[in-house]
Amino acid sequence: MGFQVFTAAGIIPRDAELRVTSGGTNILSFSLGVEEGYKNKAGEWEKKTTWFNCKIFGSRGEKLAQYLTKGTRACIAGRISFSEYTNREGEKRRTTDIMVDKIEFYGGGGERQSTQAPPPQGPSRIDSDDNIPF
């Protein structure tokens, strides 16, 4: 038996969308943009962004929805899922989604406000072993 693991780090361009299926399953959908640089034929640096459609199912999706907002930087790990459907015009379409198993946030947030306490003020150096709390 084989396995696959997909990992990417990038930025979320818009707030995630949480929906509930008729069966009661939560599905959190969001995009992740991964920017990479390369040199073109003229030797100049260019940037290219690849967009990934991502999904998180169940209660995890519901809990994470508030954190997956525009401008958030995230690193995801999951598996690639290919599916086919027929649109309203009767045409067959294919989609590629990343089924996210793990997610970590890094860097500064986008439009959301920080929920962390401000850094402590005062000296950051400990001058004697008497000040160490263990």
Protein backbone atom coordinates (compact mmCIF):
# COMPACT_ATOMS: atom_id res chain seq x y z
CA MET A 1 0.00 0.00 0.00
CA GLY A 2 1.30 3.50 -0.81
CA PHE A 3 0.72 6.91 0.63
CA GLN A 4 0.98 10.54 -0.36
CA VAL A 5 1.80 13.69 1.55
CA PHE A 6 1.42 17.20 0.17
CA THR A 7 2.99 20.13 2.02
CA ALA A 8 2.81 23.83 1.17
CA ALA A 9 3.30 27.16 2.92
CA GLY A 10 1.70 30.36 1.73
CA ILE A 11 -0.88 33.06 2.28
CA ILE A 12 -4.67 32.88 2.46
CA PRO A 13 -6.10 35.48 0.04
CA ARG A 14 -9.64 35.67 1.48
CA ASP A 15 -11.58 34.43 4.48
CA ALA A 16 -12.32 30.70 4.56
CA GLU A 17 -15.88 29.58 3.85
CA LEU A 18 -17.63 27.18 6.21
CA ARG A 19 -20.63 25.24 4.96
CA VAL A 20 -22.62 22.30 6.26
CA THR A 21 -23.76 19.42 4.04
CA SER A 22 -27.32 18.12 4.13
CA GLY A 23 -25.93 15.24 6.21
CA GLY A 24 -24.59 17.67 8.83
CA THR A 25 -20.87 17.49 7.95
CA ASN A 26 -18.87 20.71 8.24
CA ILE A 27 -16.66 21.56 5.26
CA LEU A 28 -14.22 24.45 5.55
CA SER A 29 -12.91 25.59 2.15
CA PHE A 30 -10.08 28.03 1.58
CA SER A 31 -7.39 28.89 -0.95
CA LEU A 32 -3.67 28.97 -0.32
CA GLY A 33 -1.32 30.97 -2.55
CA VAL A 34 2.28 29.79 -2.75
CA GLU A 35 4.70 32.26 -4.31
CA GLU A 36 7.94 31.16 -5.89
CA GLY A 37 10.65 33.06 -7.73
CA TYR A 38 12.59 32.10 -10.81
CA LYS A 39 14.85 33.67 -13.41
CA ASN A 40 13.38 34.17 -16.85
CA LYS A 41 15.32 33.75 -20.11
CA ALA A 42 16.61 37.33 -19.81
CA GLY A 43 18.07 36.52 -16.39
CA GLU A 44 15.57 38.70 -14.49
CA TRP A 45 13.75 37.48 -11.40
CA GLU A 46 10.02 36.91 -11.73
CA LYS A 47 7.41 35.73 -9.27
CA LYS A 48 4.75 33.12 -9.87
CA THR A 49 1.87 32.24 -7.52
CA THR A 50 0.30 28.80 -7.53
CA TRP A 51 -3.17 28.53 -5.98
CA PHE A 52 -4.38 25.47 -4.10
CA ASN A 53 -7.99 24.72 -3.10
CA CYS A 54 -8.00 23.29 0.43
CA LYS A 55 -10.64 21.59 2.58
CA ILE A 56 -10.95 20.62 6.22
CA PHE A 57 -13.84 18.40 7.32
CA GLY A 58 -15.73 17.97 10.57
CA SER A 59 -15.45 19.85 13.83
CA ARG A 60 -11.84 20.85 13.08
CA GLY A 61 -13.10 22.90 10.15
CA GLU A 62 -15.66 24.66 12.31
CA LYS A 63 -13.04 25.47 14.97
CA LEU A 64 -10.42 26.70 12.48
CA ALA A 65 -12.75 28.92 10.42
CA GLN A 66 -12.16 31.96 12.63
CA TYR A 67 -8.38 31.75 12.13
CA LEU A 68 -8.26 31.23 8.35
CA THR A 69 -8.77 34.85 7.37
CA LYS A 70 -7.44 37.06 4.62
CA GLY A 71 -3.70 37.62 4.96
CA THR A 72 -3.05 34.69 7.31
CA ARG A 73 0.15 32.75 6.61
CA ALA A 74 -0.23 29.01 6.95
CA CYS A 75 1.67 25.80 6.34
CA ILE A 76 -0.54 22.85 5.45
CA ALA A 77 0.02 19.11 5.10
CA GLY A 78 -2.49 16.72 3.61
CA ARG A 79 -3.33 14.63 0.60
CA ILE A 80 -4.29 15.49 -2.95
CA SER A 81 -7.82 14.55 -3.99
CA PHE A 82 -9.08 14.46 -7.57
CA SER A 83 -12.80 14.43 -8.28
CA GLU A 84 -15.18 14.76 -11.20
CA TYR A 85 -18.63 16.32 -11.38
CA THR A 86 -21.16 17.44 -13.96
CA ASN A 87 -22.04 21.14 -13.96
CA ARG A 88 -25.48 22.67 -14.63
CA GLU A 89 -24.79 22.75 -18.37
CA GLY A 90 -24.14 19.00 -18.38
CA GLU A 91 -20.38 19.35 -18.87
CA LYS A 92 -17.98 17.14 -16.96
CA ARG A 93 -15.52 19.05 -14.77
CA ARG A 94 -12.52 17.98 -12.73
CA THR A 95 -11.26 19.47 -9.50
CA THR A 96 -8.10 19.05 -7.48
CA ASP A 97 -8.32 19.73 -3.75
CA ILE A 98 -5.96 19.37 -0.84
CA MET A 99 -7.57 17.50 2.07
CA VAL A 100 -5.77 19.16 4.97
CA ASP A 101 -4.67 16.94 7.85
CA LYS A 102 -2.36 19.41 9.59
CA ILE A 103 -2.10 23.18 9.62
CA GLU A 104 0.29 25.58 11.31
CA PHE A 105 0.17 29.36 11.32
CA TYR A 106 3.30 31.46 11.02
CA GLY A 107 4.32 35.08 10.61
CA GLY A 108 2.05 38.04 11.16
CA GLY A 109 -1.66 38.01 10.53
CA GLY A 110 -3.50 39.86 7.84
CA GLU A 111 -6.58 41.92 8.55
CA ARG A 112 -7.43 40.14 11.79
CA GLN A 113 -6.31 41.58 15.10
CA SER A 114 -3.83 39.79 17.30
CA THR A 115 -5.19 37.98 20.34
CA GLN A 116 -1.77 37.75 21.99
CA ALA A 117 -0.80 39.82 25.00
CA PRO A 118 1.73 42.59 24.40
CA PRO A 119 5.36 41.72 25.11
CA PRO A 120 6.52 42.37 28.69
CA GLN A 121 8.33 45.61 29.37
CA GLY A 122 11.61 45.87 31.24
CA PRO A 123 14.94 44.08 31.12
CA SER A 124 15.07 40.86 29.15
CA ARG A 125 18.28 39.62 30.74
CA ILE A 126 18.51 37.64 33.99
CA ASP A 127 21.49 38.81 36.03
CA SER A 128 21.54 36.20 38.78
CA ASP A 129 20.44 32.63 39.43
CA ASP A 130 18.15 33.96 42.21
CA ASN A 131 15.73 35.31 39.56
CA ILE A 132 15.27 31.97 37.79
CA PRO A 133 11.86 30.52 38.78
CA PHE A 134 12.93 26.83 38.79
